[in-house]
Structure formats: structure tokens, C-alpha cells
């Protein structure tokens, strides 16, 4: 796990030193490190169980479970952020379309009653 974390740090440092920019797709890279860490710990725990090292097997299983929980929580949070962002974009697009349609009606002499803006919760 330490090797994966150091790999992530070195890639970020190289990108920053070379271009002075943020690391592209930082979230994806963190998910990759967490996924590989959980899978590696699970594989190591399985190997320890086959070798008869039960205490090490349990420790690796707990470590893999914790990493998988962090991965699932982070992925869920990221998905919810994307869903909220897409819903907001769709709502703003609909409001813009309604506004433009009302302006076109006014140009041709059709003046509708002013539309009430709904408050989105």
C-alpha cells in the first residue's frame, strides 16, 4: 500500500514540476490506488491463509475490507456529485429555453402572463 501511495505522490509531483498544473483525473487515480490496494491485500490474505498464517490472513482481510469501504464511499460520493451537476445543468437548460420561447412570443405580439419561477428544493 505504501508503494501505491508513493507512486501516486511521485506522479503528482512530476506533473506539477513539469507543467505547474494539477494532476489530470486525480479522482480516478485515487480510485485505482484504493482498488489495487484492496485487491492486493485480499490476495495476500488468501496466500497467508493457504500457508497457514491465520493471524496475518485476518489482518489482511480487515485491511482489504477497510480499503474497499473507503473505495465504495468515495465512488458513491463522486457519483452523487455527478448526478447533482447533471440535474442542475438540465434544469438551467430548461429555464433558458423557456425564457427564449417567451421572448419570441413577445416579439410577435403575444404577451403571455409572466411565468413564475419555481423554487427547486
N, C-alpha and C. Protein backbone atom coordinates (compact mmCIF):
# COMPACT_ATOMS: atom_id res chain seq x y z
N UNK A 1 0.83 -1.19 0.00
CA UNK A 1 0.00 0.00 0.00
C UNK A 1 0.87 1.25 0.00
N UNK A 2 1.95 1.19 0.74
CA UNK A 2 2.86 2.33 0.77
C UNK A 2 3.47 2.58 -0.61
N UNK A 3 3.73 1.50 -1.34
CA UNK A 3 4.29 1.65 -2.69
C UNK A 3 3.28 2.32 -3.61
N UNK A 4 2.00 1.96 -3.49
CA UNK A 4 0.97 2.59 -4.32
C UNK A 4 0.81 4.07 -3.97
N UNK A 5 0.84 4.38 -2.68
CA UNK A 5 0.71 5.78 -2.26
C UNK A 5 1.91 6.60 -2.74
N UNK A 6 3.10 6.03 -2.65
CA UNK A 6 4.28 6.77 -3.12
C UNK A 6 4.24 6.93 -4.64
N UNK A 7 3.74 5.92 -5.36
CA UNK A 7 3.57 6.03 -6.81
C UNK A 7 2.66 7.20 -7.16
N UNK A 8 1.54 7.30 -6.44
CA UNK A 8 0.60 8.40 -6.67
C UNK A 8 1.25 9.75 -6.39
N UNK A 9 2.01 9.84 -5.30
CA UNK A 9 2.69 11.08 -4.94
C UNK A 9 3.73 11.48 -5.99
N UNK A 10 4.51 10.52 -6.47
CA UNK A 10 5.56 10.80 -7.44
C UNK A 10 4.96 11.27 -8.77
N UNK A 11 3.87 10.62 -9.21
CA UNK A 11 3.21 11.06 -10.44
C UNK A 11 2.69 12.49 -10.32
N UNK A 12 2.09 12.81 -9.18
CA UNK A 12 1.60 14.16 -8.96
C UNK A 12 2.73 15.17 -8.93
N UNK A 13 3.83 14.82 -8.30
CA UNK A 13 4.98 15.71 -8.21
C UNK A 13 5.61 15.94 -9.59
N UNK A 14 5.71 14.89 -10.39
CA UNK A 14 6.26 15.05 -11.74
C UNK A 14 5.40 15.97 -12.59
N UNK A 15 4.10 15.79 -12.51
CA UNK A 15 3.18 16.62 -13.30
C UNK A 15 3.28 18.08 -12.85
N UNK A 16 3.34 18.30 -11.55
CA UNK A 16 3.43 19.66 -11.03
C UNK A 16 4.74 20.31 -11.44
N UNK A 17 5.85 19.57 -11.36
CA UNK A 17 7.16 20.14 -11.69
C UNK A 17 7.28 20.41 -13.19
N UNK A 18 6.71 19.54 -14.00
CA UNK A 18 6.86 19.69 -15.45
C UNK A 18 5.99 20.81 -16.01
N UNK A 19 4.74 20.89 -15.57
CA UNK A 19 3.83 21.83 -16.19
C UNK A 19 3.22 22.82 -15.23
N UNK A 20 3.40 22.62 -13.96
CA UNK A 20 2.80 23.53 -12.99
C UNK A 20 1.29 23.46 -12.96
N UNK A 21 0.73 22.31 -13.34
CA UNK A 21 -0.72 22.15 -13.37
C UNK A 21 -1.13 21.08 -12.37
N UNK A 22 -2.46 20.97 -12.24
CA UNK A 22 -2.99 19.90 -11.41
C UNK A 22 -2.82 18.57 -12.14
N UNK A 23 -2.86 17.51 -11.37
CA UNK A 23 -2.81 16.18 -11.96
C UNK A 23 -4.16 15.88 -12.58
N UNK A 24 -4.19 15.53 -13.84
CA UNK A 24 -5.44 15.23 -14.52
C UNK A 24 -6.04 13.94 -13.97
N UNK A 25 -7.34 13.91 -13.81
CA UNK A 25 -8.08 12.75 -13.35
C UNK A 25 -7.55 12.23 -12.01
N UNK A 26 -7.42 13.14 -11.07
CA UNK A 26 -6.91 12.78 -9.76
C UNK A 26 -7.83 11.80 -9.05
N UNK A 27 -9.13 11.97 -9.20
CA UNK A 27 -10.08 11.09 -8.53
C UNK A 27 -9.97 9.67 -9.07
N UNK A 28 -9.86 9.53 -10.36
CA UNK A 28 -9.71 8.21 -10.96
C UNK A 28 -8.45 7.51 -10.49
N UNK A 29 -7.39 8.26 -10.34
CA UNK A 29 -6.13 7.68 -9.87
C UNK A 29 -6.24 7.22 -8.41
N UNK A 30 -6.94 7.99 -7.59
CA UNK A 30 -7.14 7.59 -6.19
C UNK A 30 -7.97 6.31 -6.14
N UNK A 31 -9.02 6.23 -6.97
CA UNK A 31 -9.83 5.02 -7.01
C UNK A 31 -9.01 3.82 -7.47
N UNK A 32 -8.11 4.04 -8.41
CA UNK A 32 -7.24 2.97 -8.87
C UNK A 32 -6.34 2.47 -7.74
N UNK A 33 -5.74 3.40 -7.00
CA UNK A 33 -4.86 3.02 -5.90
C UNK A 33 -5.64 2.28 -4.82
N UNK A 34 -6.84 2.77 -4.47
CA UNK A 34 -7.63 2.09 -3.46
C UNK A 34 -8.06 0.70 -3.93
N UNK A 35 -8.47 0.59 -5.18
CA UNK A 35 -8.89 -0.71 -5.71
C UNK A 35 -7.75 -1.71 -5.75
N UNK A 36 -6.58 -1.25 -6.22
CA UNK A 36 -5.42 -2.15 -6.26
C UNK A 36 -4.95 -2.51 -4.85
N UNK A 37 -5.04 -1.56 -3.94
CA UNK A 37 -4.65 -1.86 -2.56
C UNK A 37 -5.56 -2.88 -1.92
N UNK A 38 -6.86 -2.75 -2.14
CA UNK A 38 -7.81 -3.71 -1.58
C UNK A 38 -7.63 -5.09 -2.21
N UNK A 39 -7.46 -5.12 -3.54
CA UNK A 39 -7.28 -6.40 -4.21
C UNK A 39 -5.96 -7.06 -3.81
N UNK A 40 -4.91 -6.26 -3.68
CA UNK A 40 -3.62 -6.80 -3.25
C UNK A 40 -3.66 -7.34 -1.83
N UNK A 41 -4.33 -6.64 -0.94
CA UNK A 41 -4.45 -7.12 0.43
C UNK A 41 -5.27 -8.40 0.50
N UNK A 42 -6.34 -8.47 -0.30
CA UNK A 42 -7.16 -9.68 -0.32
C UNK A 42 -6.35 -10.86 -0.87
N UNK A 43 -5.57 -10.63 -1.91
CA UNK A 43 -4.75 -11.70 -2.48
C UNK A 43 -3.68 -12.15 -1.48
N UNK A 44 -3.08 -11.19 -0.79
CA UNK A 44 -2.08 -11.52 0.21
C UNK A 44 -2.69 -12.30 1.37
N UNK A 45 -3.90 -11.90 1.78
CA UNK A 45 -4.61 -12.63 2.83
C UNK A 45 -4.93 -14.05 2.42
N UNK A 46 -5.33 -14.23 1.17
CA UNK A 46 -5.61 -15.58 0.67
C UNK A 46 -4.34 -16.43 0.68
N UNK A 47 -3.23 -15.85 0.24
CA UNK A 47 -1.96 -16.57 0.26
C UNK A 47 -1.53 -16.94 1.67
N UNK A 48 -1.76 -16.03 2.62
CA UNK A 48 -1.42 -16.32 4.01
C UNK A 48 -2.32 -17.43 4.57
N UNK A 49 -3.57 -17.45 4.16
CA UNK A 49 -4.48 -18.50 4.63
C UNK A 49 -4.04 -19.85 4.08
N UNK A 50 -3.59 -19.88 2.83
CA UNK A 50 -3.13 -21.15 2.25
C UNK A 50 -1.84 -21.62 2.92
N UNK A 51 -1.03 -20.67 3.41
CA UNK A 51 0.23 -21.02 4.08
C UNK A 51 0.02 -21.35 5.54
N UNK A 52 -1.20 -21.10 6.07
CA UNK A 52 -1.47 -21.43 7.46
C UNK A 52 -1.19 -20.30 8.43
N UNK A 53 -1.00 -19.10 7.96
CA UNK A 53 -0.75 -17.95 8.83
C UNK A 53 -2.09 -17.24 9.10
N UNK A 54 -2.82 -17.71 10.06
CA UNK A 54 -4.19 -17.23 10.27
C UNK A 54 -4.24 -15.78 10.77
N UNK A 55 -3.33 -15.39 11.65
CA UNK A 55 -3.36 -14.02 12.19
C UNK A 55 -3.07 -13.01 11.08
N UNK A 56 -2.10 -13.31 10.23
CA UNK A 56 -1.79 -12.42 9.12
C UNK A 56 -2.94 -12.38 8.12
N UNK A 57 -3.58 -13.52 7.91
CA UNK A 57 -4.72 -13.59 6.99
C UNK A 57 -5.86 -12.70 7.47
N UNK A 58 -6.15 -12.75 8.77
CA UNK A 58 -7.22 -11.92 9.32
C UNK A 58 -6.86 -10.44 9.21
N UNK A 59 -5.62 -10.09 9.50
CA UNK A 59 -5.19 -8.69 9.41
C UNK A 59 -5.31 -8.18 7.98
N UNK A 60 -4.90 -8.97 7.01
CA UNK A 60 -5.00 -8.56 5.61
C UNK A 60 -6.45 -8.47 5.15
N UNK A 61 -7.29 -9.37 5.64
CA UNK A 61 -8.72 -9.32 5.28
C UNK A 61 -9.37 -8.06 5.83
N UNK A 62 -9.04 -7.69 7.06
CA UNK A 62 -9.59 -6.46 7.65
C UNK A 62 -9.10 -5.25 6.88
N UNK A 63 -7.83 -5.23 6.54
CA UNK A 63 -7.25 -4.12 5.78
C UNK A 63 -7.92 -4.00 4.41
N UNK A 64 -8.13 -5.13 3.72
CA UNK A 64 -8.79 -5.12 2.42
C UNK A 64 -10.23 -4.62 2.55
N UNK A 65 -10.91 -5.05 3.60
CA UNK A 65 -12.29 -4.61 3.82
C UNK A 65 -12.37 -3.11 4.05
N UNK A 66 -11.47 -2.57 4.85
CA UNK A 66 -11.46 -1.13 5.11
C UNK A 66 -11.17 -0.33 3.84
N UNK A 67 -10.22 -0.78 3.06
CA UNK A 67 -9.92 -0.09 1.80
C UNK A 67 -11.10 -0.16 0.83
N UNK A 68 -11.77 -1.31 0.79
CA UNK A 68 -12.93 -1.44 -0.09
C UNK A 68 -14.06 -0.53 0.38
N UNK A 69 -14.24 -0.38 1.70
CA UNK A 69 -15.27 0.53 2.21
C UNK A 69 -14.98 1.98 1.83
N UNK A 70 -13.73 2.39 1.95
CA UNK A 70 -13.35 3.75 1.56
C UNK A 70 -13.56 3.94 0.05
N UNK A 71 -13.24 2.93 -0.73
CA UNK A 71 -13.44 2.99 -2.18
C UNK A 71 -14.91 3.14 -2.53
N UNK A 72 -15.77 2.35 -1.89
CA UNK A 72 -17.21 2.42 -2.18
C UNK A 72 -17.78 3.77 -1.74
N UNK A 73 -17.37 4.26 -0.58
CA UNK A 73 -17.87 5.55 -0.10
C UNK A 73 -17.41 6.69 -1.03
N UNK A 74 -16.17 6.65 -1.45
CA UNK A 74 -15.66 7.69 -2.36
C UNK A 74 -16.33 7.63 -3.72
N UNK A 75 -16.53 6.43 -4.25
CA UNK A 75 -17.18 6.30 -5.55
C UNK A 75 -18.64 6.75 -5.47
N UNK A 76 -19.31 6.42 -4.37
CA UNK A 76 -20.69 6.85 -4.20
C UNK A 76 -20.80 8.36 -4.12
N UNK A 77 -19.90 8.97 -3.40
CA UNK A 77 -19.89 10.43 -3.28
C UNK A 77 -19.64 11.08 -4.64
N UNK A 78 -18.69 10.53 -5.39
CA UNK A 78 -18.38 11.08 -6.72
C UNK A 78 -19.57 10.93 -7.67
N UNK A 79 -20.24 9.78 -7.60
CA UNK A 79 -21.42 9.56 -8.46
C UNK A 79 -22.52 10.54 -8.10
N UNK A 80 -22.75 10.76 -6.81
CA UNK A 80 -23.79 11.68 -6.40
C UNK A 80 -23.47 13.10 -6.85
N UNK A 81 -22.21 13.50 -6.81
CA UNK A 81 -21.81 14.82 -7.28
C UNK A 81 -22.10 14.97 -8.77
N UNK A 82 -21.79 13.94 -9.55
CA UNK A 82 -22.07 13.99 -10.99
C UNK A 82 -23.57 14.06 -11.27
N UNK A 83 -24.36 13.31 -10.52
CA UNK A 83 -25.81 13.33 -10.70
C UNK A 83 -26.36 14.72 -10.39
N UNK A 84 -25.93 15.31 -9.28
CA UNK A 84 -26.39 16.66 -8.94
C UNK A 84 -25.99 17.67 -10.01
N UNK A 85 -24.78 17.58 -10.50
CA UNK A 85 -24.30 18.52 -11.52
C UNK A 85 -25.12 18.38 -12.80
N UNK A 86 -25.40 17.16 -13.22
CA UNK A 86 -26.18 16.95 -14.43
C UNK A 86 -27.62 17.43 -14.27
N UNK A 87 -28.21 17.22 -13.10
CA UNK A 87 -29.57 17.70 -12.85
C UNK A 87 -29.63 19.22 -12.91
N UNK A 88 -28.63 19.88 -12.33
CA UNK A 88 -28.58 21.34 -12.36
C UNK A 88 -28.44 21.85 -13.79
N UNK A 89 -27.58 21.21 -14.57
CA UNK A 89 -27.41 21.63 -15.97
C UNK A 89 -28.70 21.49 -16.75
N UNK A 90 -29.40 20.36 -16.57
CA UNK A 90 -30.67 20.16 -17.27
C UNK A 90 -31.70 21.20 -16.87
N UNK A 91 -31.77 21.50 -15.57
CA UNK A 91 -32.74 22.50 -15.11
C UNK A 91 -32.43 23.87 -15.68
N UNK A 92 -31.17 24.26 -15.68
CA UNK A 92 -30.80 25.56 -16.25
C UNK A 92 -31.06 25.62 -17.75
N UNK A 93 -30.82 24.51 -18.44
CA UNK A 93 -31.10 24.46 -19.87
C UNK A 93 -32.60 24.64 -20.14
N UNK A 94 -33.44 23.97 -19.33
CA UNK A 94 -34.89 24.12 -19.49
C UNK A 94 -35.33 25.55 -19.23
N UNK A 95 -34.80 26.17 -18.17
CA UNK A 95 -35.17 27.55 -17.86
C UNK A 95 -34.74 28.50 -18.97
N UNK A 96 -33.56 28.30 -19.54
CA UNK A 96 -33.10 29.14 -20.64
C UNK A 96 -34.00 28.99 -21.86
N UNK A 97 -34.39 27.75 -22.15
CA UNK A 97 -35.27 27.51 -23.28
C UNK A 97 -36.62 28.17 -23.07
N UNK A 98 -37.18 28.07 -21.88
CA UNK A 98 -38.46 28.73 -21.59
C UNK A 98 -38.34 30.25 -21.74
N UNK A 99 -37.23 30.82 -21.26
CA UNK A 99 -37.04 32.26 -21.34
C UNK A 99 -36.97 32.70 -22.81
N UNK A 100 -36.22 31.96 -23.64
CA UNK A 100 -36.11 32.32 -25.05
C UNK A 100 -37.46 32.17 -25.76
N UNK A 101 -38.23 31.16 -25.42
CA UNK A 101 -39.54 30.99 -26.04
C UNK A 101 -40.47 32.13 -25.65
N UNK A 102 -40.41 32.57 -24.40
CA UNK A 102 -41.27 33.69 -24.00
C UNK A 102 -40.86 34.97 -24.72
N UNK A 103 -39.57 35.17 -24.97
CA UNK A 103 -39.11 36.35 -25.70
C UNK A 103 -39.60 36.33 -27.14
N UNK A 104 -39.61 35.16 -27.76
CA UNK A 104 -40.08 35.05 -29.14
C UNK A 104 -41.56 35.40 -29.22
N UNK A 105 -42.34 34.95 -28.26
CA UNK A 105 -43.77 35.25 -28.25
C UNK A 105 -44.01 36.75 -28.13
N UNK A 106 -43.20 37.42 -27.30
CA UNK A 106 -43.35 38.86 -27.12
C UNK A 106 -43.01 39.61 -28.41
N UNK A 107 -42.05 39.12 -29.18
CA UNK A 107 -41.67 39.77 -30.42
C UNK A 107 -42.80 39.76 -31.43
N UNK A 108 -43.59 38.69 -31.41
CA UNK A 108 -44.68 38.57 -32.37
C UNK A 108 -46.01 39.09 -31.83
N UNK A 109 -45.99 39.81 -30.72
CA UNK A 109 -47.20 40.43 -30.19
C UNK A 109 -47.97 39.57 -29.21
N UNK A 110 -47.54 38.38 -28.97
CA UNK A 110 -48.21 37.53 -27.98
C UNK A 110 -47.53 37.74 -26.64
N UNK A 111 -48.20 38.38 -25.75
CA UNK A 111 -47.60 38.63 -24.44
C UNK A 111 -48.29 37.72 -23.43
N UNK A 112 -47.64 36.65 -23.05
CA UNK A 112 -48.26 35.76 -22.07
C UNK A 112 -48.12 36.33 -20.66
N UNK A 113 -48.85 35.74 -19.76
CA UNK A 113 -48.71 36.14 -18.36
C UNK A 113 -47.30 35.80 -17.90
N UNK A 114 -46.75 36.62 -17.04
CA UNK A 114 -45.38 36.34 -16.60
C UNK A 114 -45.29 34.98 -15.92
N UNK A 115 -44.29 34.24 -16.30
CA UNK A 115 -44.11 32.90 -15.75
C UNK A 115 -43.51 33.00 -14.36
N UNK A 116 -44.06 32.20 -13.47
CA UNK A 116 -43.50 32.16 -12.13
C UNK A 116 -42.31 31.22 -12.12
N UNK A 117 -41.28 31.64 -11.48
CA UNK A 117 -40.12 30.75 -11.34
C UNK A 117 -40.36 29.84 -10.18
N UNK A 118 -40.15 28.57 -10.41
CA UNK A 118 -40.32 27.61 -9.33
C UNK A 118 -39.05 27.55 -8.51
N UNK A 119 -39.27 27.36 -7.27
CA UNK A 119 -38.13 27.23 -6.37
C UNK A 119 -37.81 25.74 -6.24
N UNK A 120 -36.60 25.38 -6.69
CA UNK A 120 -36.22 23.95 -6.69
C UNK A 120 -35.64 23.59 -5.34
N UNK A 121 -36.10 22.50 -4.83
CA UNK A 121 -35.63 22.06 -3.50
C UNK A 121 -34.79 20.83 -3.63
